[in-house]
Amino acid sequence: MIKVDEEALICDLAETYQIYRYKEWPPLEVAIFARGLRGDSRLKMKMSKEKVPTEIVLLSSLVDSMNLLLWSKTKDGWKGINRPTSLVAAIRGHSEENKVMRFESGKDFETARNNILKGG
């Protein structure tokens, strides 16, 4: 965890346990304290590559559901136009548009597919 972000670890230990000089503590105890940090601590958020705590995403999801319910009862909802934008998508940085990809050959497709499967 120190290798990920030492400054975040220092801040989280100070905020949670009032440990201001973690290097003076036995390494095993520091490891136990670090493991016990909340899921929304700076370090755990960085390690999980999340920008927003799960609680905020869940609340945003509730708002999205409510917006869709209300929208479905309007004239726009009946016609399927002016759908409300998703807060969850905005928070996570996802675009709601489908990204269409075009390939010149099967080999190009396989290369792109392998890159996506590898996480690229």
PDB file of N, CA and C in Angstrom:
ATOM      1  N   MET A   1       0.816  -1.191   0.000  1.00  0.00           N
ATOM      2  CA  MET A   1       0.000   0.000   0.000  1.00  0.00           C
ATOM      3  C   MET A   1       0.860   1.255   0.000  1.00  0.00           C
ATOM      4  N   ILE A   2       2.031   1.153   0.591  1.00  0.00           N
ATOM      5  CA  ILE A   2       2.943   2.299   0.608  1.00  0.00           C
ATOM      6  C   ILE A   2       3.385   2.617  -0.811  1.00  0.00           C
ATOM      7  N   LYS A   3       3.590   1.574  -1.619  1.00  0.00           N
ATOM      8  CA  LYS A   3       4.035   1.786  -2.992  1.00  0.00           C
ATOM      9  C   LYS A   3       2.954   2.452  -3.842  1.00  0.00           C
ATOM     10  N   VAL A   4       1.714   2.214  -3.518  1.00  0.00           N
ATOM     11  CA  VAL A   4       0.620   2.802  -4.293  1.00  0.00           C
ATOM     12  C   VAL A   4       0.579   4.310  -4.094  1.00  0.00           C
ATOM     13  N   ASP A   5       0.510   4.746  -2.834  1.00  0.00           N
ATOM     14  CA  ASP A   5       0.456   6.181  -2.539  1.00  0.00           C
ATOM     15  C   ASP A   5       0.725   6.389  -1.051  1.00  0.00           C
ATOM     16  N   GLU A   6       1.972   6.692  -0.735  1.00  0.00           N
ATOM     17  CA  GLU A   6       2.364   6.849   0.663  1.00  0.00           C
ATOM     18  C   GLU A   6       1.664   8.037   1.313  1.00  0.00           C
ATOM     19  N   GLU A   7       1.492   9.121   0.570  1.00  0.00           N
ATOM     20  CA  GLU A   7       0.836  10.303   1.139  1.00  0.00           C
ATOM     21  C   GLU A   7      -0.618  10.013   1.505  1.00  0.00           C
ATOM     22  N   ALA A   8      -1.308   9.256   0.666  1.00  0.00           N
ATOM     23  CA  ALA A   8      -2.691   8.891   0.973  1.00  0.00           C
ATOM     24  C   ALA A   8      -2.737   8.008   2.215  1.00  0.00           C
ATOM     25  N   LEU A   9      -1.777   7.100   2.334  1.00  0.00           N
ATOM     26  CA  LEU A   9      -1.710   6.240   3.519  1.00  0.00           C
ATOM     27  C   LEU A   9      -1.488   7.072   4.775  1.00  0.00           C
ATOM     28  N   ILE A  10      -0.567   8.026   4.704  1.00  0.00           N
ATOM     29  CA  ILE A  10      -0.290   8.895   5.856  1.00  0.00           C
ATOM     30  C   ILE A  10      -1.552   9.664   6.249  1.00  0.00           C
ATOM     31  N   CYS A  11      -2.233  10.244   5.272  1.00  0.00           N
ATOM     32  CA  CYS A  11      -3.462  11.002   5.557  1.00  0.00           C
ATOM     33  C   CYS A  11      -4.541  10.106   6.156  1.00  0.00           C
ATOM     34  N   ASP A  12      -4.719   8.922   5.577  1.00  0.00           N
ATOM     35  CA  ASP A  12      -5.761   8.021   6.075  1.00  0.00           C
ATOM     36  C   ASP A  12      -5.459   7.525   7.484  1.00  0.00           C
ATOM     37  N   LEU A  13      -4.201   7.188   7.758  1.00  0.00           N
ATOM     38  CA  LEU A  13      -3.842   6.741   9.105  1.00  0.00           C
ATOM     39  C   LEU A  13      -4.027   7.864  10.119  1.00  0.00           C
ATOM     40  N   ALA A  14      -3.669   9.082   9.728  1.00  0.00           N
ATOM     41  CA  ALA A  14      -3.826  10.220  10.637  1.00  0.00           C
ATOM     42  C   ALA A  14      -5.309  10.507  10.881  1.00  0.00           C
ATOM     43  N   GLU A  15      -6.103  10.476   9.837  1.00  0.00           N
ATOM     44  CA  GLU A  15      -7.524  10.784   9.973  1.00  0.00           C
ATOM     45  C   GLU A  15      -8.269   9.708  10.760  1.00  0.00           C
ATOM     46  N   THR A  16      -7.964   8.453  10.476  1.00  0.00           N
ATOM     47  CA  THR A  16      -8.722   7.360  11.069  1.00  0.00           C
ATOM     48  C   THR A  16      -8.223   6.971  12.454  1.00  0.00           C
ATOM     49  N   TYR A  17      -6.904   6.866  12.598  1.00  0.00           N
ATOM     50  CA  TYR A  17      -6.337   6.332  13.843  1.00  0.00           C
ATOM     51  C   TYR A  17      -5.491   7.337  14.619  1.00  0.00           C
ATOM     52  N   GLN A  18      -5.369   8.562  14.132  1.00  0.00           N
ATOM     53  CA  GLN A  18      -4.514   9.582  14.747  1.00  0.00           C
ATOM     54  C   GLN A  18      -3.056   9.105  14.841  1.00  0.00           C
ATOM     55  N   ILE A  19      -2.621   8.371  13.827  1.00  0.00           N
ATOM     56  CA  ILE A  19      -1.221   7.943  13.724  1.00  0.00           C
ATOM     57  C   ILE A  19      -0.545   8.921  12.773  1.00  0.00           C
ATOM     58  N   TYR A  20       0.344   9.748  13.311  1.00  0.00           N
ATOM     59  CA  TYR A  20       0.963  10.802  12.516  1.00  0.00           C
ATOM     60  C   TYR A  20       2.352  10.421  12.020  1.00  0.00           C
ATOM     61  N   ARG A  21       2.992   9.491  12.666  1.00  0.00           N
ATOM     62  CA  ARG A  21       4.316   9.015  12.238  1.00  0.00           C
ATOM     63  C   ARG A  21       4.273   7.488  12.178  1.00  0.00           C
ATOM     64  N   TYR A  22       3.788   6.988  11.067  1.00  0.00           N
ATOM     65  CA  TYR A  22       3.582   5.546  10.976  1.00  0.00           C
ATOM     66  C   TYR A  22       4.886   4.758  10.996  1.00  0.00           C
ATOM     67  N   LYS A  23       5.996   5.395  10.634  1.00  0.00           N
ATOM     68  CA  LYS A  23       7.282   4.686  10.606  1.00  0.00           C
ATOM     69  C   LYS A  23       7.787   4.366  12.009  1.00  0.00           C
ATOM     70  N   GLU A  24       7.233   5.017  13.027  1.00  0.00           N
ATOM     71  CA  GLU A  24       7.613   4.727  14.404  1.00  0.00           C
ATOM     72  C   GLU A  24       6.853   3.520  14.957  1.00  0.00           C
ATOM     73  N   TRP A  25       5.857   3.059  14.253  1.00  0.00           N
ATOM     74  CA  TRP A  25       5.048   1.922  14.684  1.00  0.00           C
ATOM     75  C   TRP A  25       5.618   0.629  14.105  1.00  0.00           C
ATOM     76  N   PRO A  26       5.350  -0.512  14.737  1.00  0.00           N
ATOM     77  CA  PRO A  26       5.776  -1.797  14.165  1.00  0.00           C
ATOM     78  C   PRO A  26       5.078  -2.017  12.817  1.00  0.00           C
ATOM     79  N   PRO A  27       5.813  -2.508  11.829  1.00  0.00           N
ATOM     80  CA  PRO A  27       5.235  -2.678  10.486  1.00  0.00           C
ATOM     81  C   PRO A  27       3.966  -3.534  10.462  1.00  0.00           C
ATOM     82  N   LEU A  28       3.918  -4.571  11.290  1.00  0.00           N
ATOM     83  CA  LEU A  28       2.736  -5.433  11.301  1.00  0.00           C
ATOM     84  C   LEU A  28       1.496  -4.662  11.757  1.00  0.00           C
ATOM     85  N   GLU A  29       1.647  -3.818  12.759  1.00  0.00           N
ATOM     86  CA  GLU A  29       0.508  -3.026  13.236  1.00  0.00           C
ATOM     87  C   GLU A  29       0.058  -2.018  12.183  1.00  0.00           C
ATOM     88  N   VAL A  30       1.012  -1.395  11.510  1.00  0.00           N
ATOM     89  CA  VAL A  30       0.654  -0.447  10.446  1.00  0.00           C
ATOM     90  C   VAL A  30      -0.092  -1.177   9.330  1.00  0.00           C
ATOM     91  N   ALA A  31       0.366  -2.385   9.006  1.00  0.00           N
ATOM     92  CA  ALA A  31      -0.307  -3.171   7.971  1.00  0.00           C
ATOM     93  C   ALA A  31      -1.739  -3.503   8.391  1.00  0.00           C
ATOM     94  N   ILE A  32      -1.922  -3.856   9.658  1.00  0.00           N
ATOM     95  CA  ILE A  32      -3.266  -4.161  10.157  1.00  0.00           C
ATOM     96  C   ILE A  32      -4.156  -2.917  10.085  1.00  0.00           C
ATOM     97  N   PHE A  33      -3.611  -1.777  10.511  1.00  0.00           N
ATOM     98  CA  PHE A  33      -4.382  -0.532  10.449  1.00  0.00           C
ATOM     99  C   PHE A  33      -4.724  -0.167   9.001  1.00  0.00           C
ATOM    100  N   ALA A  34      -3.768  -0.328   8.100  1.00  0.00           N
ATOM    101  CA  ALA A  34      -3.999   0.010   6.693  1.00  0.00           C
ATOM    102  C   ALA A  34      -5.071  -0.901   6.099  1.00  0.00           C
ATOM    103  N   ARG A  35      -5.022  -2.159   6.455  1.00  0.00           N
ATOM    104  CA  ARG A  35      -6.025  -3.104   5.947  1.00  0.00           C
ATOM    105  C   ARG A  35      -7.418  -2.771   6.482  1.00  0.00           C
ATOM    106  N   GLY A  36      -7.477  -2.201   7.661  1.00  0.00           N
ATOM    107  CA  GLY A  36      -8.750  -1.878   8.278  1.00  0.00           C
ATOM    108  C   GLY A  36      -9.351  -0.551   7.860  1.00  0.00           C
ATOM    109  N   LEU A  37      -8.716   0.142   6.934  1.00  0.00           N
ATOM    110  CA  LEU A  37      -9.266   1.423   6.471  1.00  0.00           C
ATOM    111  C   LEU A  37     -10.606   1.204   5.763  1.00  0.00           C
ATOM    112  N   ARG A  38     -11.477   2.190   5.866  1.00  0.00           N
ATOM    113  CA  ARG A  38     -12.784   2.118   5.213  1.00  0.00           C
ATOM    114  C   ARG A  38     -12.622   2.033   3.692  1.00  0.00           C
ATOM    115  N   GLY A  39     -13.657   1.564   3.060  1.00  0.00           N
ATOM    116  CA  GLY A  39     -13.651   1.453   1.602  1.00  0.00           C
ATOM    117  C   GLY A  39     -13.590   2.787   0.887  1.00  0.00           C
ATOM    118  N   ASP A  40     -14.012   3.862   1.569  1.00  0.00           N
ATOM    119  CA  ASP A  40     -13.979   5.176   0.933  1.00  0.00           C
ATOM    120  C   ASP A  40     -12.770   6.003   1.359  1.00  0.00           C
ATOM    121  N   SER A  41     -11.763   5.349   1.930  1.00  0.00           N
ATOM    122  CA  SER A  41     -10.535   6.072   2.289  1.00  0.00           C
ATOM    123  C   SER A  41      -9.761   6.412   1.018  1.00  0.00           C
ATOM    124  N   ARG A  42      -8.883   7.384   1.116  1.00  0.00           N
ATOM    125  CA  ARG A  42      -8.117   7.837  -0.053  1.00  0.00           C
ATOM    126  C   ARG A  42      -7.365   6.678  -0.705  1.00  0.00           C
ATOM    127  N   LEU A  43      -6.707   5.897   0.122  1.00  0.00           N
ATOM    128  CA  LEU A  43      -5.862   4.817  -0.393  1.00  0.00           C
ATOM    129  C   LEU A  43      -6.694   3.719  -1.050  1.00  0.00           C
ATOM    130  N   LYS A  44      -7.760   3.303  -0.402  1.00  0.00           N
ATOM    131  CA  LYS A  44      -8.585   2.231  -0.970  1.00  0.00           C
ATOM    132  C   LYS A  44      -9.271   2.694  -2.256  1.00  0.00           C
ATOM    133  N   MET A  45      -9.675   3.964  -2.303  1.00  0.00           N
ATOM    134  CA  MET A  45     -10.279   4.491  -3.528  1.00  0.00           C
ATOM    135  C   MET A  45      -9.260   4.473  -4.664  1.00  0.00           C
ATOM    136  N   LYS A  46      -8.028   4.837  -4.353  1.00  0.00           N
ATOM    137  CA  LYS A  46      -6.992   4.857  -5.382  1.00  0.00           C
ATOM    138  C   LYS A  46      -6.666   3.440  -5.843  1.00  0.00           C
ATOM    139  N   MET A  47      -6.605   2.504  -4.900  1.00  0.00           N
ATOM    140  CA  MET A  47      -6.283   1.124  -5.255  1.00  0.00           C
ATOM    141  C   MET A  47      -7.381   0.488  -6.103  1.00  0.00           C
ATOM    142  N   SER A  48      -8.628   0.836  -5.836  1.00  0.00           N
ATOM    143  CA  SER A  48      -9.735   0.264  -6.600  1.00  0.00           C
ATOM    144  C   SER A  48     -10.042   1.067  -7.866  1.00  0.00           C
ATOM    145  N   LYS A  49      -9.296   2.157  -8.070  1.00  0.00           N
ATOM    146  CA  LYS A  49      -9.452   3.024  -9.235  1.00  0.00           C
ATOM    147  C   LYS A  49     -10.863   3.604  -9.340  1.00  0.00           C
ATOM    148  N   GLU A  50     -11.468   3.847  -8.200  1.00  0.00           N
ATOM    149  CA  GLU A  50     -12.783   4.486  -8.142  1.00  0.00           C
ATOM    150  C   GLU A  50     -12.593   5.964  -7.859  1.00  0.00           C
ATOM    151  N   LYS A  51     -13.370   6.797  -8.522  1.00  0.00           N
ATOM    152  CA  LYS A  51     -13.285   8.241  -8.311  1.00  0.00           C
ATOM    153  C   LYS A  51     -14.315   8.713  -7.289  1.00  0.00           C
ATOM    154  N   VAL A  52     -15.376   7.928  -7.134  1.00  0.00           N
ATOM    155  CA  VAL A  52     -16.484   8.322  -6.274  1.00  0.00           C
ATOM    156  C   VAL A  52     -16.816   7.153  -5.346  1.00  0.00           C
ATOM    157  N   PRO A  53     -17.105   7.422  -4.076  1.00  0.00           N
ATOM    158  CA  PRO A  53     -17.471   6.338  -3.156  1.00  0.00           C
ATOM    159  C   PRO A  53     -18.730   5.597  -3.612  1.00  0.00           C
ATOM    160  N   THR A  54     -18.821   4.335  -3.249  1.00  0.00           N
ATOM    161  CA  THR A  54     -19.955   3.496  -3.626  1.00  0.00           C
ATOM    162  C   THR A  54     -21.273   4.095  -3.156  1.00  0.00           C
ATOM    163  N   GLU A  55     -21.274   4.681  -1.971  1.00  0.00           N
ATOM    164  CA  GLU A  55     -22.489   5.294  -1.428  1.00  0.00           C
ATOM    165  C   GLU A  55     -23.041   6.369  -2.374  1.00  0.00           C
ATOM    166  N   ILE A  56     -22.162   7.183  -2.920  1.00  0.00           N
ATOM    167  CA  ILE A  56     -22.589   8.245  -3.845  1.00  0.00           C
ATOM    168  C   ILE A  56     -23.131   7.646  -5.137  1.00  0.00           C
ATOM    169  N   VAL A  57     -22.501   6.582  -5.625  1.00  0.00           N
ATOM    170  CA  VAL A  57     -22.972   5.931  -6.851  1.00  0.00           C
ATOM    171  C   VAL A  57     -24.362   5.336  -6.624  1.00  0.00           C
ATOM    172  N   LEU A  58     -24.572   4.717  -5.460  1.00  0.00           N
ATOM    173  CA  LEU A  58     -25.885   4.144  -5.164  1.00  0.00           C
ATOM    174  C   LEU A  58     -26.961   5.223  -5.063  1.00  0.00           C
ATOM    175  N   LEU A  59     -26.647   6.325  -4.404  1.00  0.00           N
ATOM    176  CA  LEU A  59     -27.605   7.427  -4.313  1.00  0.00           C
ATOM    177  C   LEU A  59     -27.905   8.010  -5.694  1.00  0.00           C
ATOM    178  N   SER A  60     -26.881   8.122  -6.519  1.00  0.00           N
ATOM    179  CA  SER A  60     -27.076   8.623  -7.887  1.00  0.00           C
ATOM    180  C   SER A  60     -27.945   7.669  -8.692  1.00  0.00           C
ATOM    181  N   SER A  61     -27.773   6.385  -8.448  1.00  0.00           N
ATOM    182  CA  SER A  61     -28.585   5.384  -9.131  1.00  0.00           C
ATOM    183  C   SER A  61     -30.059   5.522  -8.748  1.00  0.00           C
ATOM    184  N   LEU A  62     -30.304   5.806  -7.477  1.00  0.00           N
ATOM    185  CA  LEU A  62     -31.687   6.043  -7.040  1.00  0.00           C
ATOM    186  C   LEU A  62     -32.286   7.266  -7.737  1.00  0.00           C
ATOM    187  N   VAL A  63     -31.504   8.325  -7.832  1.00  0.00           N
ATOM    188  CA  VAL A  63     -31.976   9.536  -8.508  1.00  0.00           C
ATOM    189  C   VAL A  63     -32.249   9.241  -9.981  1.00  0.00           C
ATOM    190  N   ASP A  64     -31.357   8.477 -10.622  1.00  0.00           N
ATOM    191  CA  ASP A  64     -31.568   8.112 -12.025  1.00  0.00           C
ATOM    192  C   ASP A  64     -32.877   7.338 -12.197  1.00  0.00           C
ATOM    193  N   SER A  65     -33.119   6.388 -11.302  1.00  0.00           N
ATOM    194  CA  SER A  65     -34.346   5.590 -11.387  1.00  0.00           C
ATOM    195  C   SER A  65     -35.581   6.464 -11.214  1.00  0.00           C
ATOM    196  N   MET A  66     -35.522   7.370 -10.260  1.00  0.00           N
ATOM    197  CA  MET A  66     -36.653   8.270 -10.026  1.00  0.00           C
ATOM    198  C   MET A  66     -36.879   9.185 -11.232  1.00  0.00           C
ATOM    199  N   ASN A  67     -35.794   9.693 -11.793  1.00  0.00           N
ATOM    200  CA  ASN A  67     -35.918  10.542 -12.986  1.00  0.00           C
ATOM    201  C   ASN A  67     -36.567   9.783 -14.141  1.00  0.00           C
ATOM    202  N   LEU A  68     -36.166   8.517 -14.333  1.00  0.00           N
ATOM    203  CA  LEU A  68     -36.757   7.721 -15.413  1.00  0.00           C
ATOM    204  C   LEU A  68     -38.237   7.457 -15.158  1.00  0.00           C
ATOM    205  N   LEU A  69     -38.585   7.185 -13.906  1.00  0.00           N
ATOM    206  CA  LEU A  69     -39.994   6.972 -13.571  1.00  0.00           C
ATOM    207  C   LEU A  69     -40.830   8.210 -13.884  1.00  0.00           C
ATOM    208  N   LEU A  70     -40.344   9.355 -13.437  1.00  0.00           N
ATOM    209  CA  LEU A  70     -41.074  10.601 -13.683  1.00  0.00           C
ATOM    210  C   LEU A  70     -41.132  10.923 -15.172  1.00  0.00           C
ATOM    211  N   TRP A  71     -40.013  10.731 -15.861  1.00  0.00           N
ATOM    212  CA  TRP A  71     -39.950  11.013 -17.296  1.00  0.00           C
ATOM    213  C   TRP A  71     -40.924  10.118 -18.066  1.00  0.00           C
ATOM    214  N   SER A  72     -41.049   8.854 -17.637  1.00  0.00           N
ATOM    215  CA  SER A  72     -41.917   7.918 -18.361  1.00  0.00           C
ATOM    216  C   SER A  72     -43.388   8.327 -18.291  1.00  0.00           C
ATOM    217  N   LYS A  73     -43.736   9.175 -17.340  1.00  0.00           N
ATOM    218  CA  LYS A  73     -45.124   9.630 -17.191  1.00  0.00           C
ATOM    219  C   LYS A  73     -45.408  10.928 -17.952  1.00  0.00           C
ATOM    220  N   THR A  74     -44.397  11.472 -18.615  1.00  0.00           N
ATOM    221  CA  THR A  74     -44.580  12.717 -19.362  1.00  0.00           C
ATOM    222  C   THR A  74     -44.850  12.419 -20.839  1.00  0.00           C
ATOM    223  N   LYS A  75     -45.224  13.452 -21.580  1.00  0.00           N
ATOM    224  CA  LYS A  75     -45.441  13.295 -23.021  1.00  0.00           C
ATOM    225  C   LYS A  75     -44.148  12.894 -23.721  1.00  0.00           C
ATOM    226  N   ASP A  76     -43.030  13.474 -23.272  1.00  0.00           N
ATOM    227  CA  ASP A  76     -41.735  13.103 -23.861  1.00  0.00           C
ATOM    228  C   ASP A  76     -41.433  11.626 -23.618  1.00  0.00           C
ATOM    229  N   GLY A  77     -41.768  11.154 -22.443  1.00  0.00           N
ATOM    230  CA  GLY A  77     -41.543   9.746 -22.125  1.00  0.00           C
ATOM    231  C   GLY A  77     -42.383   8.829 -22.989  1.00  0.00           C
ATOM    232  N   TRP A  78     -43.632   9.209 -23.243  1.00  0.00           N
ATOM    233  CA  TRP A  78     -44.500   8.407 -24.101  1.00  0.00           C
ATOM    234  C   TRP A  78     -43.951   8.341 -25.518  1.00  0.00           C
ATOM    235  N   LYS A  79     -43.348   9.450 -25.961  1.00  0.00           N
ATOM    236  CA  LYS A  79     -42.783   9.494 -27.312  1.00  0.00           C
ATOM    237  C   LYS A  79     -41.361   8.950 -27.358  1.00  0.00           C
ATOM    238  N   GLY A  80     -40.744   8.783 -26.195  1.00  0.00           N
ATOM    239  CA  GLY A  80     -39.374   8.271 -26.141  1.00  0.00           C
ATOM    240  C   GLY A  80     -38.323   9.306 -26.497  1.00  0.00           C
ATOM    241  N   ILE A  81     -38.621  10.585 -26.248  1.00  0.00           N
ATOM    242  CA  ILE A  81     -37.656  11.641 -26.562  1.00  0.00           C
ATOM    243  C   ILE A  81     -37.244  12.369 -25.286  1.00  0.00           C
ATOM    244  N   ASN A  82     -36.152  13.081 -25.367  1.00  0.00           N
ATOM    245  CA  ASN A  82     -35.624  13.879 -24.251  1.00  0.00           C
ATOM    246  C   ASN A  82     -35.447  13.064 -22.971  1.00  0.00           C
ATOM    247  N   ARG A  83     -34.890  11.889 -23.119  1.00  0.00           N
ATOM    248  CA  ARG A  83     -34.632  11.027 -21.960  1.00  0.00           C
ATOM    249  C   ARG A  83     -33.662  11.735 -21.014  1.00  0.00           C
ATOM    250  N   PRO A  84     -33.890  11.671 -19.697  1.00  0.00           N
ATOM    251  CA  PRO A  84     -32.982  12.352 -18.762  1.00  0.00           C
ATOM    252  C   PRO A  84     -31.587  11.721 -18.789  1.00  0.00           C
ATOM    253  N   THR A  85     -30.588  12.556 -18.576  1.00  0.00           N
ATOM    254  CA  THR A  85     -29.220  12.041 -18.565  1.00  0.00           C
ATOM    255  C   THR A  85     -28.957  11.314 -17.254  1.00  0.00           C
ATOM    256  N   SER A  86     -28.088  10.340 -17.308  1.00  0.00           N
ATOM    257  CA  SER A  86     -27.778   9.514 -16.144  1.00  0.00           C
ATOM    258  C   SER A  86     -26.697  10.167 -15.291  1.00  0.00           C
ATOM    259  N   LEU A  87     -26.975  10.323 -13.998  1.00  0.00           N
ATOM    260  CA  LEU A  87     -25.962  10.847 -13.079  1.00  0.00           C
ATOM    261  C   LEU A  87     -24.821   9.852 -12.901  1.00  0.00           C
ATOM    262  N   VAL A  88     -25.160   8.573 -12.832  1.00  0.00           N
ATOM    263  CA  VAL A  88     -24.128   7.546 -12.642  1.00  0.00           C
ATOM    264  C   VAL A  88     -23.153   7.561 -13.811  1.00  0.00           C
ATOM    265  N   ALA A  89     -23.680   7.660 -15.020  1.00  0.00           N
ATOM    266  CA  ALA A  89     -22.805   7.716 -16.195  1.00  0.00           C
ATOM    267  C   ALA A  89     -21.938   8.965 -16.163  1.00  0.00           C
ATOM    268  N   ALA A  90     -22.510  10.083 -15.730  1.00  0.00           N
ATOM    269  CA  ALA A  90     -21.738  11.328 -15.656  1.00  0.00           C
ATOM    270  C   ALA A  90     -20.649  11.235 -14.594  1.00  0.00           C
ATOM    271  N   ILE A  91     -20.973  10.642 -13.454  1.00  0.00           N
ATOM    272  CA  ILE A  91     -19.994  10.509 -12.367  1.00  0.00           C
ATOM    273  C   ILE A  91     -18.845   9.603 -12.776  1.00  0.00           C
ATOM    274  N   ARG A  92     -19.192   8.505 -13.406  1.00  0.00           N
ATOM    275  CA  ARG A  92     -18.161   7.535 -13.787  1.00  0.00           C
ATOM    276  C   ARG A  92     -17.463   7.894 -15.092  1.00  0.00           C
ATOM    277  N   GLY A  93     -17.964   8.902 -15.781  1.00  0.00           N
ATOM    278  CA  GLY A  93     -17.317   9.350 -17.009  1.00  0.00           C
ATOM    279  C   GLY A  93     -17.642   8.495 -18.213  1.00  0.00           C
ATOM    280  N   HIS A  94     -18.742   7.751 -18.156  1.00  0.00           N
ATOM    281  CA  HIS A  94     -19.143   6.917 -19.285  1.00  0.00           C
ATOM    282  C   HIS A  94     -20.047   7.709 -20.209  1.00  0.00           C
ATOM    283  N   SER A  95     -19.817   7.512 -21.463  1.00  0.00           N
ATOM    284  CA  SER A  95     -20.680   8.136 -22.456  1.00  0.00           C
ATOM    285  C   SER A  95     -21.836   7.187 -22.740  1.00  0.00           C
ATOM    286  N   GLU A  96     -23.029   7.736 -22.913  1.00  0.00           N
ATOM    287  CA  GLU A  96     -24.180   6.895 -23.209  1.00  0.00           C
ATOM    288  C   GLU A  96     -24.266   6.546 -24.693  1.00  0.00           C
ATOM    289  N   GLU A  97     -23.454   7.189 -25.500  1.00  0.00           N
ATOM    290  CA  GLU A  97     -23.471   6.909 -26.927  1.00  0.00           C
ATOM    291  C   GLU A  97     -22.717   5.615 -27.201  1.00  0.00           C
ATOM    292  N   ASN A  98     -23.229   4.839 -28.124  1.00  0.00           N
ATOM    293  CA  ASN A  98     -22.526   3.636 -28.539  1.00  0.00           C
ATOM    294  C   ASN A  98     -21.389   4.035 -29.464  1.00  0.00           C
ATOM    295  N   LYS A  99     -20.236   3.496 -29.211  1.00  0.00           N
ATOM    296  CA  LYS A  99     -19.092   3.791 -30.060  1.00  0.00           C
ATOM    297  C   LYS A  99     -19.012   2.708 -31.135  1.00  0.00           C
ATOM    298  N   VAL A 100     -19.283   3.096 -32.356  1.00  0.00           N
ATOM    299  CA  VAL A 100     -19.264   2.163 -33.470  1.00  0.00           C
ATOM    300  C   VAL A 100     -17.855   2.127 -34.037  1.00  0.00           C
ATOM    301  N   MET A 101     -17.343   0.915 -34.196  1.00  0.00           N
ATOM    302  CA  MET A 101     -16.005   0.747 -34.759  1.00  0.00           C
ATOM    303  C   MET A 101     -16.148   0.033 -36.095  1.00  0.00           C
ATOM    304  N   ARG A 102     -15.292   0.412 -37.017  1.00  0.00           N
ATOM    305  CA  ARG A 102     -15.331  -0.179 -38.348  1.00  0.00           C
ATOM    306  C   ARG A 102     -13.965  -0.775 -38.641  1.00  0.00           C
ATOM    307  N   PHE A 103     -13.961  -1.939 -39.283  1.00  0.00           N
ATOM    308  CA  PHE A 103     -12.714  -2.638 -39.564  1.00  0.00           C
ATOM    309  C   PHE A 103     -12.631  -2.971 -41.046  1.00  0.00           C
ATOM    310  N   GLU A 104     -11.416  -2.899 -41.551  1.00  0.00           N
ATOM    311  CA  GLU A 104     -11.186  -3.181 -42.970  1.00  0.00           C
ATOM    312  C   GLU A 104     -11.063  -4.674 -43.241  1.00  0.00           C
ATOM    313  N   SER A 105     -10.654  -5.429 -42.219  1.00  0.00           N
ATOM    314  CA  SER A 105     -10.470  -6.866 -42.423  1.00  0.00           C
ATOM    315  C   SER A 105     -10.755  -7.610 -41.121  1.00  0.00           C
ATOM    316  N   GLY A 106     -10.849  -8.917 -41.234  1.00  0.00           N
ATOM    317  CA  GLY A 106     -11.053  -9.755 -40.055  1.00  0.00           C
ATOM    318  C   GLY A 106      -9.867  -9.690 -39.112  1.00  0.00           C
ATOM    319  N   LYS A 107      -8.674  -9.517 -39.681  1.00  0.00           N
ATOM    320  CA  LYS A 107      -7.464  -9.424 -38.854  1.00  0.00           C
ATOM    321  C   LYS A 107      -7.503  -8.158 -37.990  1.00  0.00           C
ATOM    322  N   ASP A 108      -7.942  -7.043 -38.572  1.00  0.00           N
ATOM    323  CA  ASP A 108      -8.077  -5.802 -37.797  1.00  0.00           C
ATOM    324  C   ASP A 108      -9.074  -5.977 -36.656  1.00  0.00           C
ATOM    325  N   PHE A 109     -10.172  -6.679 -36.955  1.00  0.00           N
ATOM    326  CA  PHE A 109     -11.172  -6.934 -35.920  1.00  0.00           C
ATOM    327  C   PHE A 109     -10.583  -7.769 -34.785  1.00  0.00           C
ATOM    328  N   GLU A 110      -9.889  -8.840 -35.131  1.00  0.00           N
ATOM    329  CA  GLU A 110      -9.294  -9.713 -34.110  1.00  0.00           C
ATOM    330  C   GLU A 110      -8.276  -8.962 -33.255  1.00  0.00           C
ATOM    331  N   THR A 111      -7.490  -8.091 -33.871  1.00  0.00           N
ATOM    332  CA  THR A 111      -6.515  -7.290 -33.125  1.00  0.00           C
ATOM    333  C   THR A 111      -7.219  -6.367 -32.135  1.00  0.00           C
ATOM    334  N   ALA A 112      -8.258  -5.683 -32.585  1.00  0.00           N
ATOM    335  CA  ALA A 112      -9.008  -4.783 -31.699  1.00  0.00           C
ATOM    336  C   ALA A 112      -9.695  -5.571 -30.591  1.00  0.00           C
ATOM    337  N   ARG A 113     -10.246  -6.721 -30.931  1.00  0.00           N
ATOM    338  CA  ARG A 113     -10.917  -7.566 -29.931  1.00  0.00           C
ATOM    339  C   ARG A 113      -9.936  -8.017 -28.859  1.00  0.00           C
ATOM    340  N   ASN A 114      -8.766  -8.450 -29.267  1.00  0.00           N
ATOM    341  CA  ASN A 114      -7.756  -8.890 -28.300  1.00  0.00           C
ATOM    342  C   ASN A 114      -7.314  -7.743 -27.400  1.00  0.00           C
ATOM    343  N   ASN A 115      -7.185  -6.538 -27.963  1.00  0.00           N
ATOM    344  CA  ASN A 115      -6.827  -5.368 -27.146  1.00  0.00           C
ATOM    345  C   ASN A 115      -7.900  -5.072 -26.102  1.00  0.00           C
ATOM    346  N   ILE A 116      -9.163  -5.173 -26.497  1.00  0.00           N
ATOM    347  CA  ILE A 116     -10.258  -4.921 -25.552  1.00  0.00           C
ATOM    348  C   ILE A 116     -10.263  -5.978 -24.454  1.00  0.00           C
ATOM    349  N   LEU A 117     -10.072  -7.236 -24.834  1.00  0.00           N
ATOM    350  CA  LEU A 117     -10.072  -8.312 -23.840  1.00  0.00           C
ATOM    351  C   LEU A 117      -8.903  -8.203 -22.868  1.00  0.00           C
ATOM    352  N   LYS A 118      -7.795  -7.633 -23.323  1.00  0.00           N
ATOM    353  CA  LYS A 118      -6.633  -7.436 -22.447  1.00  0.00           C
ATOM    354  C   LYS A 118      -6.806  -6.218 -21.554  1.00  0.00           C
ATOM    355  N   GLY A 119      -7.822  -5.432 -21.794  1.00  0.00           N
ATOM    356  CA  GLY A 119      -8.071  -4.242 -20.978  1.00  0.00           C
ATOM    357  C   GLY A 119      -7.547  -2.969 -21.598  1.00  0.00           C
ATOM    358  N   GLY A 120      -7.225  -2.976 -22.849  1.00  0.00           N
ATOM    359  CA  GLY A 120      -6.665  -1.795 -23.499  1.00  0.00           C
ATOM    360  C   GLY A 120      -7.611  -1.014 -24.240  1.00  0.00           C
TER     361      GLY A 120
END
